[in-house]
Amino acid sequence: SKGVSQGANAARAAITFSFFSIIVWVALAVKALQRYRLGTDMSLFATD
């Protein structure tokens, strides 16, 4: 409709960036998983 056509670009932008957000948050989850798998280097607790 006339009113819908005025906000069509904003609606498409919301849909598009929702899709991009999926990719970025998945990438953040993968980075967190990599950090968890790194664990702890026991040399932090080594003494003479």
All heavy atoms as atom14 arrays in JSON, in Angstrom:
{
  "sequence": "SKGVSQGANAARAAITFSFFSIIVWVALAVKALQRYRLGTDMSLFATD",
  "atom14_mask": [
    [1, 1, 1, 1, 1, 1, 0, 0, 0, 0, 0, 0, 0, 0],
    [1, 1, 1, 1, 1, 1, 1, 1, 1, 0, 0, 0, 0, 0],
    [1, 1, 1, 1, 0, 0, 0, 0, 0, 0, 0, 0, 0, 0],
    [1, 1, 1, 1, 1, 1, 1, 0, 0, 0, 0, 0, 0, 0],
    [1, 1, 1, 1, 1, 1, 0, 0, 0, 0, 0, 0, 0, 0],
    [1, 1, 1, 1, 1, 1, 1, 1, 1, 0, 0, 0, 0, 0],
    [1, 1, 1, 1, 0, 0, 0, 0, 0, 0, 0, 0, 0, 0],
    [1, 1, 1, 1, 1, 0, 0, 0, 0, 0, 0, 0, 0, 0],
    [1, 1, 1, 1, 1, 1, 1, 1, 0, 0, 0, 0, 0, 0],
    [1, 1, 1, 1, 1, 0, 0, 0, 0, 0, 0, 0, 0, 0],
    [1, 1, 1, 1, 1, 0, 0, 0, 0, 0, 0, 0, 0, 0],
    [1, 1, 1, 1, 1, 1, 1, 1, 1, 1, 1, 0, 0, 0],
    [1, 1, 1, 1, 1, 0, 0, 0, 0, 0, 0, 0, 0, 0],
    [1, 1, 1, 1, 1, 0, 0, 0, 0, 0, 0, 0, 0, 0],
    [1, 1, 1, 1, 1, 1, 1, 1, 0, 0, 0, 0, 0, 0],
    [1, 1, 1, 1, 1, 1, 1, 0, 0, 0, 0, 0, 0, 0],
    [1, 1, 1, 1, 1, 1, 1, 1, 1, 1, 1, 0, 0, 0],
    [1, 1, 1, 1, 1, 1, 0, 0, 0, 0, 0, 0, 0, 0],
    [1, 1, 1, 1, 1, 1, 1, 1, 1, 1, 1, 0, 0, 0],
    [1, 1, 1, 1, 1, 1, 1, 1, 1, 1, 1, 0, 0, 0],
    [1, 1, 1, 1, 1, 1, 0, 0, 0, 0, 0, 0, 0, 0],
    [1, 1, 1, 1, 1, 1, 1, 1, 0, 0, 0, 0, 0, 0],
    [1, 1, 1, 1, 1, 1, 1, 1, 0, 0, 0, 0, 0, 0],
    [1, 1, 1, 1, 1, 1, 1, 0, 0, 0, 0, 0, 0, 0],
    [1, 1, 1, 1, 1, 1, 1, 1, 1, 1, 1, 1, 1, 1],
    [1, 1, 1, 1, 1, 1, 1, 0, 0, 0, 0, 0, 0, 0],
    [1, 1, 1, 1, 1, 0, 0, 0, 0, 0, 0, 0, 0, 0],
    [1, 1, 1, 1, 1, 1, 1, 1, 0, 0, 0, 0, 0, 0],
    [1, 1, 1, 1, 1, 0, 0, 0, 0, 0, 0, 0, 0, 0],
    [1, 1, 1, 1, 1, 1, 1, 0, 0, 0, 0, 0, 0, 0],
    [1, 1, 1, 1, 1, 1, 1, 1, 1, 0, 0, 0, 0, 0],
    [1, 1, 1, 1, 1, 0, 0, 0, 0, 0, 0, 0, 0, 0],
    [1, 1, 1, 1, 1, 1, 1, 1, 0, 0, 0, 0, 0, 0],
    [1, 1, 1, 1, 1, 1, 1, 1, 1, 0, 0, 0, 0, 0],
    [1, 1, 1, 1, 1, 1, 1, 1, 1, 1, 1, 0, 0, 0],
    [1, 1, 1, 1, 1, 1, 1, 1, 1, 1, 1, 1, 0, 0],
    [1, 1, 1, 1, 1, 1, 1, 1, 1, 1, 1, 0, 0, 0],
    [1, 1, 1, 1, 1, 1, 1, 1, 0, 0, 0, 0, 0, 0],
    [1, 1, 1, 1, 0, 0, 0, 0, 0, 0, 0, 0, 0, 0],
    [1, 1, 1, 1, 1, 1, 1, 0, 0, 0, 0, 0, 0, 0],
    [1, 1, 1, 1, 1, 1, 1, 1, 0, 0, 0, 0, 0, 0],
    [1, 1, 1, 1, 1, 1, 1, 1, 0, 0, 0, 0, 0, 0],
    [1, 1, 1, 1, 1, 1, 0, 0, 0, 0, 0, 0, 0, 0],
    [1, 1, 1, 1, 1, 1, 1, 1, 0, 0, 0, 0, 0, 0],
    [1, 1, 1, 1, 1, 1, 1, 1, 1, 1, 1, 0, 0, 0],
    [1, 1, 1, 1, 1, 0, 0, 0, 0, 0, 0, 0, 0, 0],
    [1, 1, 1, 1, 1, 1, 1, 0, 0, 0, 0, 0, 0, 0],
    [1, 1, 1, 1, 1, 1, 1, 1, 0, 0, 0, 0, 0, 0]
  ],
  "atom14_positions": [
    [[0.86, -1.17, 0.0], [0.0, 0.0, 0.0], [0.9, 1.23, 0.0], [2.14, 1.12, 0.02], [-0.94, -0.01, 1.21], [-0.2, 0.05, 2.41], [0.0, 0.0, 0.0], [0.0, 0.0, 0.0], [0.0, 0.0, 0.0], [0.0, 0.0, 0.0], [0.0, 0.0, 0.0], [0.0, 0.0, 0.0], [0.0, 0.0, 0.0], [0.0, 0.0, 0.0]],
    [[0.28, 2.39, 0.0], [1.07, 3.6, -0.01], [1.91, 3.73, 1.25], [3.1, 4.07, 1.2], [0.15, 4.82, -0.16], [0.91, 6.13, -0.26], [-0.03, 7.3, -0.45], [0.75, 8.62, -0.54], [-0.17, 9.78, -0.73], [0.0, 0.0, 0.0], [0.0, 0.0, 0.0], [0.0, 0.0, 0.0], [0.0, 0.0, 0.0], [0.0, 0.0, 0.0]],
    [[1.32, 3.44, 2.39], [2.06, 3.54, 3.64], [3.14, 2.47, 3.74], [4.25, 2.74, 4.23], [0.0, 0.0, 0.0], [0.0, 0.0, 0.0], [0.0, 0.0, 0.0], [0.0, 0.0, 0.0], [0.0, 0.0, 0.0], [0.0, 0.0, 0.0], [0.0, 0.0, 0.0], [0.0, 0.0, 0.0], [0.0, 0.0, 0.0], [0.0, 0.0, 0.0]],
    [[2.84, 1.27, 3.24], [3.82, 0.19, 3.3], [5.02, 0.49, 2.4], [6.17, 0.23, 2.76], [3.17, -1.15, 2.9], [4.23, -2.23, 2.75], [2.14, -1.56, 3.94], [0.0, 0.0, 0.0], [0.0, 0.0, 0.0], [0.0, 0.0, 0.0], [0.0, 0.0, 0.0], [0.0, 0.0, 0.0], [0.0, 0.0, 0.0], [0.0, 0.0, 0.0]],
    [[4.75, 1.05, 1.24], [5.83, 1.36, 0.31], [6.79, 2.4, 0.86], [7.99, 2.39, 0.53], [5.25, 1.85, -1.02], [4.47, 3.04, -0.82], [0.0, 0.0, 0.0], [0.0, 0.0, 0.0], [0.0, 0.0, 0.0], [0.0, 0.0, 0.0], [0.0, 0.0, 0.0], [0.0, 0.0, 0.0], [0.0, 0.0, 0.0], [0.0, 0.0, 0.0]],
    [[6.3, 3.27, 1.75], [7.18, 4.27, 2.34], [8.18, 3.66, 3.31], [9.3, 4.17, 3.46], [6.33, 5.32, 3.07], [5.48, 6.17, 2.12], [4.61, 7.16, 2.87], [4.53, 7.12, 4.11], [3.94, 8.05, 2.15], [0.0, 0.0, 0.0], [0.0, 0.0, 0.0], [0.0, 0.0, 0.0], [0.0, 0.0, 0.0], [0.0, 0.0, 0.0]],
    [[7.79, 2.59, 3.97], [8.7, 1.96, 4.92], [9.29, 0.66, 4.41], [9.87, -0.1, 5.2], [0.0, 0.0, 0.0], [0.0, 0.0, 0.0], [0.0, 0.0, 0.0], [0.0, 0.0, 0.0], [0.0, 0.0, 0.0], [0.0, 0.0, 0.0], [0.0, 0.0, 0.0], [0.0, 0.0, 0.0], [0.0, 0.0, 0.0], [0.0, 0.0, 0.0]],
    [[9.17, 0.42, 3.1], [9.65, -0.85, 2.54], [11.17, -1.0, 2.68], [11.66, -2.09, 2.99], [9.23, -0.96, 1.07], [0.0, 0.0, 0.0], [0.0, 0.0, 0.0], [0.0, 0.0, 0.0], [0.0, 0.0, 0.0], [0.0, 0.0, 0.0], [0.0, 0.0, 0.0], [0.0, 0.0, 0.0], [0.0, 0.0, 0.0], [0.0, 0.0, 0.0]],
    [[11.9, 0.07, 2.47], [13.37, -0.01, 2.57], [13.81, -0.35, 3.99], [14.76, -1.13, 4.2], [14.0, 1.29, 2.12], [13.84, 1.53, 0.63], [13.72, 0.58, -0.15], [13.82, 2.8, 0.22], [0.0, 0.0, 0.0], [0.0, 0.0, 0.0], [0.0, 0.0, 0.0], [0.0, 0.0, 0.0], [0.0, 0.0, 0.0], [0.0, 0.0, 0.0]],
    [[13.13, 0.25, 4.97], [13.48, -0.04, 6.36], [13.16, -1.5, 6.71], [13.92, -2.16, 7.42], [12.72, 0.89, 7.29], [0.0, 0.0, 0.0], [0.0, 0.0, 0.0], [0.0, 0.0, 0.0], [0.0, 0.0, 0.0], [0.0, 0.0, 0.0], [0.0, 0.0, 0.0], [0.0, 0.0, 0.0], [0.0, 0.0, 0.0], [0.0, 0.0, 0.0]],
    [[12.05, -2.0, 6.18], [11.69, -3.4, 6.44], [12.72, -4.34, 5.82], [13.14, -5.33, 6.46], [10.3, -3.69, 5.89], [0.0, 0.0, 0.0], [0.0, 0.0, 0.0], [0.0, 0.0, 0.0], [0.0, 0.0, 0.0], [0.0, 0.0, 0.0], [0.0, 0.0, 0.0], [0.0, 0.0, 0.0], [0.0, 0.0, 0.0], [0.0, 0.0, 0.0]],
    [[13.14, -4.05, 4.6], [14.15, -4.9, 3.95], [15.49, -4.81, 4.68], [16.21, -5.82, 4.79], [14.31, -4.48, 2.49], [13.06, -4.7, 1.63], [13.36, -4.47, 0.16], [12.16, -4.57, -0.66], [11.43, -3.54, -1.08], [11.81, -2.29, -0.75], [10.36, -3.73, -1.82], [0.0, 0.0, 0.0], [0.0, 0.0, 0.0], [0.0, 0.0, 0.0]],
    [[15.81, -3.62, 5.18], [17.07, -3.47, 5.93], [17.03, -4.3, 7.22], [18.02, -4.95, 7.58], [17.31, -2.0, 6.26], [0.0, 0.0, 0.0], [0.0, 0.0, 0.0], [0.0, 0.0, 0.0], [0.0, 0.0, 0.0], [0.0, 0.0, 0.0], [0.0, 0.0, 0.0], [0.0, 0.0, 0.0], [0.0, 0.0, 0.0], [0.0, 0.0, 0.0]],
    [[15.9, -4.3, 7.91], [15.78, -5.09, 9.13], [15.94, -6.57, 8.84], [16.61, -7.3, 9.58], [14.43, -4.81, 9.8], [0.0, 0.0, 0.0], [0.0, 0.0, 0.0], [0.0, 0.0, 0.0], [0.0, 0.0, 0.0], [0.0, 0.0, 0.0], [0.0, 0.0, 0.0], [0.0, 0.0, 0.0], [0.0, 0.0, 0.0], [0.0, 0.0, 0.0]],
    [[15.35, -7.04, 7.75], [15.47, -8.45, 7.39], [16.9, -8.79, 7.0], [17.46, -9.82, 7.41], [14.5, -8.79, 6.22], [13.05, -8.61, 6.68], [14.73, -10.2, 5.72], [12.04, -8.73, 5.56], [0.0, 0.0, 0.0], [0.0, 0.0, 0.0], [0.0, 0.0, 0.0], [0.0, 0.0, 0.0], [0.0, 0.0, 0.0], [0.0, 0.0, 0.0]],
    [[17.51, -7.93, 6.19], [18.88, -8.19, 5.72], [19.88, -8.24, 6.85], [20.7, -9.16, 6.95], [19.29, -7.12, 4.7], [18.37, -7.12, 3.6], [20.7, -7.39, 4.18], [0.0, 0.0, 0.0], [0.0, 0.0, 0.0], [0.0, 0.0, 0.0], [0.0, 0.0, 0.0], [0.0, 0.0, 0.0], [0.0, 0.0, 0.0], [0.0, 0.0, 0.0]],
    [[19.81, -7.25, 7.74], [20.79, -7.21, 8.83], [20.48, -8.24, 9.92], [21.38, -8.58, 10.7], [20.87, -5.8, 9.42], [21.64, -4.84, 8.55], [20.99, -4.03, 7.63], [23.03, -4.78, 8.63], [21.71, -3.18, 6.82], [23.75, -3.92, 7.83], [23.09, -3.11, 6.91], [0.0, 0.0, 0.0], [0.0, 0.0, 0.0], [0.0, 0.0, 0.0]],
    [[19.26, -8.73, 9.96], [18.97, -9.87, 10.83], [19.72, -11.1, 10.33], [20.28, -11.88, 11.13], [17.47, -10.15, 10.87], [16.77, -9.09, 11.47], [0.0, 0.0, 0.0], [0.0, 0.0, 0.0], [0.0, 0.0, 0.0], [0.0, 0.0, 0.0], [0.0, 0.0, 0.0], [0.0, 0.0, 0.0], [0.0, 0.0, 0.0], [0.0, 0.0, 0.0]],
    [[19.77, -11.27, 9.02], [20.5, -12.4, 8.45], [22.0, -12.25, 8.69], [22.69, -13.22, 9.08], [20.22, -12.49, 6.96], [21.0, -13.56, 6.25], [20.66, -14.9, 6.38], [22.11, -13.24, 5.48], [21.39, -15.89, 5.74], [22.85, -14.22, 4.84], [22.48, -15.55, 4.97], [0.0, 0.0, 0.0], [0.0, 0.0, 0.0], [0.0, 0.0, 0.0]],
    [[22.53, -11.05, 8.48], [23.95, -10.82, 8.73], [24.31, -11.04, 10.21], [25.41, -11.52, 10.52], [24.34, -9.41, 8.31], [24.32, -9.18, 6.83], [24.17, -7.89, 6.3], [24.43, -10.24, 5.94], [24.17, -7.69, 4.93], [24.41, -10.04, 4.57], [24.28, -8.76, 4.06], [0.0, 0.0, 0.0], [0.0, 0.0, 0.0], [0.0, 0.0, 0.0]],
    [[23.38, -10.69, 11.09], [23.64, -10.87, 12.53], [23.79, -12.34, 12.89], [24.56, -12.68, 13.8], [22.5, -10.25, 13.34], [22.45, -8.85, 13.15], [0.0, 0.0, 0.0], [0.0, 0.0, 0.0], [0.0, 0.0, 0.0], [0.0, 0.0, 0.0], [0.0, 0.0, 0.0], [0.0, 0.0, 0.0], [0.0, 0.0, 0.0], [0.0, 0.0, 0.0]],
    [[23.06, -13.21, 12.18], [23.22, -14.65, 12.43], [24.67, -15.07, 12.2], [25.28, -15.76, 13.02], [22.29, -15.47, 11.51], [20.83, -15.1, 11.76], [22.5, -16.96, 11.73], [19.88, -15.73, 10.75], [0.0, 0.0, 0.0], [0.0, 0.0, 0.0], [0.0, 0.0, 0.0], [0.0, 0.0, 0.0], [0.0, 0.0, 0.0], [0.0, 0.0, 0.0]],
    [[25.23, -14.63, 11.09], [26.59, -15.01, 10.72], [27.59, -14.5, 11.75], [28.5, -15.24, 12.19], [26.93, -14.48, 9.32], [25.97, -15.05, 8.27], [28.38, -14.82, 8.94], [26.14, -14.49, 6.88], [0.0, 0.0, 0.0], [0.0, 0.0, 0.0], [0.0, 0.0, 0.0], [0.0, 0.0, 0.0], [0.0, 0.0, 0.0], [0.0, 0.0, 0.0]],
    [[27.44, -13.24, 12.16], [28.41, -12.65, 13.08], [28.33, -13.3, 14.45], [29.36, -13.59, 15.08], [28.18, -11.13, 13.2], [29.19, -10.52, 14.16], [28.32, -10.47, 11.83], [0.0, 0.0, 0.0], [0.0, 0.0, 0.0], [0.0, 0.0, 0.0], [0.0, 0.0, 0.0], [0.0, 0.0, 0.0], [0.0, 0.0, 0.0], [0.0, 0.0, 0.0]],
    [[27.12, -13.58, 14.94], [26.99, -14.21, 16.26], [27.48, -15.65, 16.23], [28.03, -16.14, 17.23], [25.55, -14.13, 16.75], [25.22, -12.8, 17.34], [24.49, -11.8, 16.76], [25.61, -12.31, 18.62], [24.41, -10.72, 17.6], [25.08, -11.0, 18.75], [26.34, -12.84, 19.66], [25.28, -10.23, 19.89], [26.54, -12.07, 20.81], [26.01, -10.79, 20.91]],
    [[27.3, -16.33, 15.13], [27.86, -17.68, 15.01], [29.38, -17.6, 15.05], [30.05, -18.44, 15.69], [27.38, -18.36, 13.71], [28.18, -19.63, 13.44], [25.9, -18.7, 13.81], [0.0, 0.0, 0.0], [0.0, 0.0, 0.0], [0.0, 0.0, 0.0], [0.0, 0.0, 0.0], [0.0, 0.0, 0.0], [0.0, 0.0, 0.0], [0.0, 0.0, 0.0]],
    [[29.95, -16.61, 14.38], [31.41, -16.43, 14.42], [31.89, -16.14, 15.83], [32.94, -16.64, 16.26], [31.82, -15.29, 13.47], [0.0, 0.0, 0.0], [0.0, 0.0, 0.0], [0.0, 0.0, 0.0], [0.0, 0.0, 0.0], [0.0, 0.0, 0.0], [0.0, 0.0, 0.0], [0.0, 0.0, 0.0], [0.0, 0.0, 0.0], [0.0, 0.0, 0.0]],
    [[31.14, -15.35, 16.59], [31.51, -15.08, 17.99], [31.43, -16.35, 18.83], [32.26, -16.57, 19.72], [30.59, -14.01, 18.57], [30.86, -12.57, 18.13], [29.75, -11.64, 18.62], [32.21, -12.09, 18.65], [0.0, 0.0, 0.0], [0.0, 0.0, 0.0], [0.0, 0.0, 0.0], [0.0, 0.0, 0.0], [0.0, 0.0, 0.0], [0.0, 0.0, 0.0]],
    [[30.43, -17.18, 18.56], [30.32, -18.45, 19.29], [31.51, -19.36, 18.98], [32.04, -20.03, 19.87], [29.01, -19.14, 18.94], [0.0, 0.0, 0.0], [0.0, 0.0, 0.0], [0.0, 0.0, 0.0], [0.0, 0.0, 0.0], [0.0, 0.0, 0.0], [0.0, 0.0, 0.0], [0.0, 0.0, 0.0], [0.0, 0.0, 0.0], [0.0, 0.0, 0.0]],
    [[31.93, -19.37, 17.72], [33.09, -20.18, 17.34], [34.35, -19.67, 18.02], [35.18, -20.46, 18.51], [33.26, -20.19, 15.81], [34.57, -20.86, 15.4], [32.09, -20.91, 15.15], [0.0, 0.0, 0.0], [0.0, 0.0, 0.0], [0.0, 0.0, 0.0], [0.0, 0.0, 0.0], [0.0, 0.0, 0.0], [0.0, 0.0, 0.0], [0.0, 0.0, 0.0]],
    [[34.53, -18.35, 18.09], [35.69, -17.79, 18.76], [35.69, -18.14, 20.25], [36.74, -18.47, 20.81], [35.7, -16.26, 18.59], [35.95, -15.79, 17.16], [37.34, -16.11, 16.69], [38.38, -15.33, 17.48], [39.76, -15.6, 16.98], [0.0, 0.0, 0.0], [0.0, 0.0, 0.0], [0.0, 0.0, 0.0], [0.0, 0.0, 0.0], [0.0, 0.0, 0.0]],
    [[34.52, -18.08, 20.87], [34.44, -18.45, 22.29], [34.75, -19.93, 22.49], [35.42, -20.31, 23.46], [33.05, -18.13, 22.83], [0.0, 0.0, 0.0], [0.0, 0.0, 0.0], [0.0, 0.0, 0.0], [0.0, 0.0, 0.0], [0.0, 0.0, 0.0], [0.0, 0.0, 0.0], [0.0, 0.0, 0.0], [0.0, 0.0, 0.0], [0.0, 0.0, 0.0]],
    [[34.3, -20.77, 21.56], [34.6, -22.2, 21.65], [36.09, -22.45, 21.5], [36.66, -23.3, 22.21], [33.83, -22.96, 20.58], [34.01, -24.48, 20.56], [33.57, -25.1, 21.88], [33.24, -25.1, 19.39], [0.0, 0.0, 0.0], [0.0, 0.0, 0.0], [0.0, 0.0, 0.0], [0.0, 0.0, 0.0], [0.0, 0.0, 0.0], [0.0, 0.0, 0.0]],
    [[36.74, -21.72, 20.63], [38.19, -21.86, 20.45], [38.92, -21.45, 21.72], [39.9, -22.09, 22.13], [38.66, -21.01, 19.27], [38.21, -21.54, 17.91], [38.6, -20.63, 16.77], [39.0, -19.47, 16.99], [38.49, -21.11, 15.55], [0.0, 0.0, 0.0], [0.0, 0.0, 0.0], [0.0, 0.0, 0.0], [0.0, 0.0, 0.0], [0.0, 0.0, 0.0]],
    [[38.49, -20.39, 22.35], [39.13, -19.94, 23.6], [38.92, -20.98, 24.7], [39.82, -21.21, 25.52], [38.53, -18.6, 24.03], [38.85, -17.46, 23.09], [38.04, -16.23, 23.43], [38.44, -15.66, 24.7], [37.76, -14.68, 25.3], [36.67, -14.19, 24.74], [38.17, -14.2, 26.46], [0.0, 0.0, 0.0], [0.0, 0.0, 0.0], [0.0, 0.0, 0.0]],
    [[37.75, -21.59, 24.73], [37.5, -22.6, 25.75], [38.38, -23.83, 25.54], [38.88, -24.42, 26.5], [36.02, -23.01, 25.73], [35.69, -24.09, 26.72], [35.58, -23.8, 28.08], [35.48, -25.4, 26.3], [35.28, -24.79, 28.99], [35.17, -26.39, 27.21], [35.06, -26.08, 28.55], [34.77, -27.07, 29.45], [0.0, 0.0, 0.0], [0.0, 0.0, 0.0]],
    [[38.57, -24.2, 24.28], [39.41, -25.36, 23.99], [40.88, -25.1, 24.28], [41.63, -26.04, 24.56], [39.23, -25.79, 22.53], [37.89, -26.46, 22.24], [37.78, -26.88, 20.8], [36.56, -27.65, 20.56], [36.21, -28.12, 19.36], [36.97, -27.89, 18.3], [35.09, -28.82, 19.24], [0.0, 0.0, 0.0], [0.0, 0.0, 0.0], [0.0, 0.0, 0.0]],
    [[41.29, -23.84, 24.21], [42.67, -23.52, 24.56], [42.95, -23.86, 26.02], [44.05, -24.29, 26.36], [42.95, -22.04, 24.3], [43.14, -21.61, 22.85], [43.29, -20.1, 22.77], [44.33, -22.3, 22.22], [0.0, 0.0, 0.0], [0.0, 0.0, 0.0], [0.0, 0.0, 0.0], [0.0, 0.0, 0.0], [0.0, 0.0, 0.0], [0.0, 0.0, 0.0]],
    [[41.94, -23.66, 26.86], [42.1, -24.02, 28.26], [43.16, -23.19, 28.94], [43.36, -22.02, 28.64], [0.0, 0.0, 0.0], [0.0, 0.0, 0.0], [0.0, 0.0, 0.0], [0.0, 0.0, 0.0], [0.0, 0.0, 0.0], [0.0, 0.0, 0.0], [0.0, 0.0, 0.0], [0.0, 0.0, 0.0], [0.0, 0.0, 0.0], [0.0, 0.0, 0.0]],
    [[43.88, -23.86, 29.83], [44.87, -23.17, 30.66], [46.24, -23.78, 30.44], [46.39, -25.0, 30.46], [44.5, -23.28, 32.14], [43.2, -22.71, 32.32], [45.5, -22.55, 33.01], [0.0, 0.0, 0.0], [0.0, 0.0, 0.0], [0.0, 0.0, 0.0], [0.0, 0.0, 0.0], [0.0, 0.0, 0.0], [0.0, 0.0, 0.0], [0.0, 0.0, 0.0]],
    [[47.22, -22.95, 30.26], [48.62, -23.38, 30.19], [49.13, -23.52, 31.62], [49.19, -22.56, 32.37], [49.44, -22.34, 29.41], [50.87, -22.83, 29.17], [51.26, -23.84, 29.77], [51.56, -22.19, 28.36], [0.0, 0.0, 0.0], [0.0, 0.0, 0.0], [0.0, 0.0, 0.0], [0.0, 0.0, 0.0], [0.0, 0.0, 0.0], [0.0, 0.0, 0.0]],
    [[49.52, -24.74, 32.01], [49.93, -24.98, 33.38], [51.26, -24.31, 33.75], [51.67, -24.33, 34.9], [50.05, -26.48, 33.63], [48.71, -27.21, 33.59], [47.47, -26.47, 34.67], [48.2, -26.74, 36.28], [0.0, 0.0, 0.0], [0.0, 0.0, 0.0], [0.0, 0.0, 0.0], [0.0, 0.0, 0.0], [0.0, 0.0, 0.0], [0.0, 0.0, 0.0]],
    [[51.92, -23.73, 32.76], [53.15, -23.0, 33.08], [52.86, -21.76, 33.92], [53.76, -21.17, 34.51], [53.88, -22.58, 31.8], [53.09, -21.67, 31.04], [0.0, 0.0, 0.0], [0.0, 0.0, 0.0], [0.0, 0.0, 0.0], [0.0, 0.0, 0.0], [0.0, 0.0, 0.0], [0.0, 0.0, 0.0], [0.0, 0.0, 0.0], [0.0, 0.0, 0.0]],
    [[51.56, -21.35, 33.97], [51.2, -20.25, 34.84], [51.46, -20.58, 36.3], [51.67, -19.7, 37.13], [49.71, -19.92, 34.66], [49.31, -19.23, 33.35], [47.8, -19.15, 33.26], [49.9, -17.85, 33.25], [0.0, 0.0, 0.0], [0.0, 0.0, 0.0], [0.0, 0.0, 0.0], [0.0, 0.0, 0.0], [0.0, 0.0, 0.0], [0.0, 0.0, 0.0]],
    [[51.44, -21.87, 36.62], [51.58, -22.26, 38.0], [52.93, -22.92, 38.28], [53.13, -23.48, 39.34], [50.45, -23.24, 38.37], [49.11, -22.73, 37.99], [48.48, -23.17, 36.83], [48.47, -21.78, 38.76], [47.24, -22.68, 36.47], [47.24, -21.29, 38.41], [46.61, -21.74, 37.27], [0.0, 0.0, 0.0], [0.0, 0.0, 0.0], [0.0, 0.0, 0.0]],
    [[53.87, -22.9, 37.34], [55.17, -23.54, 37.53], [56.0, -22.72, 38.5], [55.99, -21.51, 38.51], [55.89, -23.67, 36.2], [0.0, 0.0, 0.0], [0.0, 0.0, 0.0], [0.0, 0.0, 0.0], [0.0, 0.0, 0.0], [0.0, 0.0, 0.0], [0.0, 0.0, 0.0], [0.0, 0.0, 0.0], [0.0, 0.0, 0.0], [0.0, 0.0, 0.0]],
    [[56.78, -23.43, 39.32], [57.69, -22.76, 40.26], [59.07, -23.36, 40.1], [59.26, -24.37, 39.45], [57.21, -22.94, 41.71], [57.11, -24.34, 41.98], [55.84, -22.31, 41.91], [0.0, 0.0, 0.0], [0.0, 0.0, 0.0], [0.0, 0.0, 0.0], [0.0, 0.0, 0.0], [0.0, 0.0, 0.0], [0.0, 0.0, 0.0], [0.0, 0.0, 0.0]],
    [[60.03, -22.75, 40.77], [61.41, -23.2, 40.63], [61.65, -24.56, 41.28], [62.65, -25.21, 40.98], [62.36, -22.17, 41.25], [62.33, -20.86, 40.5], [61.94, -20.9, 39.32], [62.68, -19.83, 41.09], [0.0, 0.0, 0.0], [0.0, 0.0, 0.0], [0.0, 0.0, 0.0], [0.0, 0.0, 0.0], [0.0, 0.0, 0.0], [0.0, 0.0, 0.0]]
  ]
}
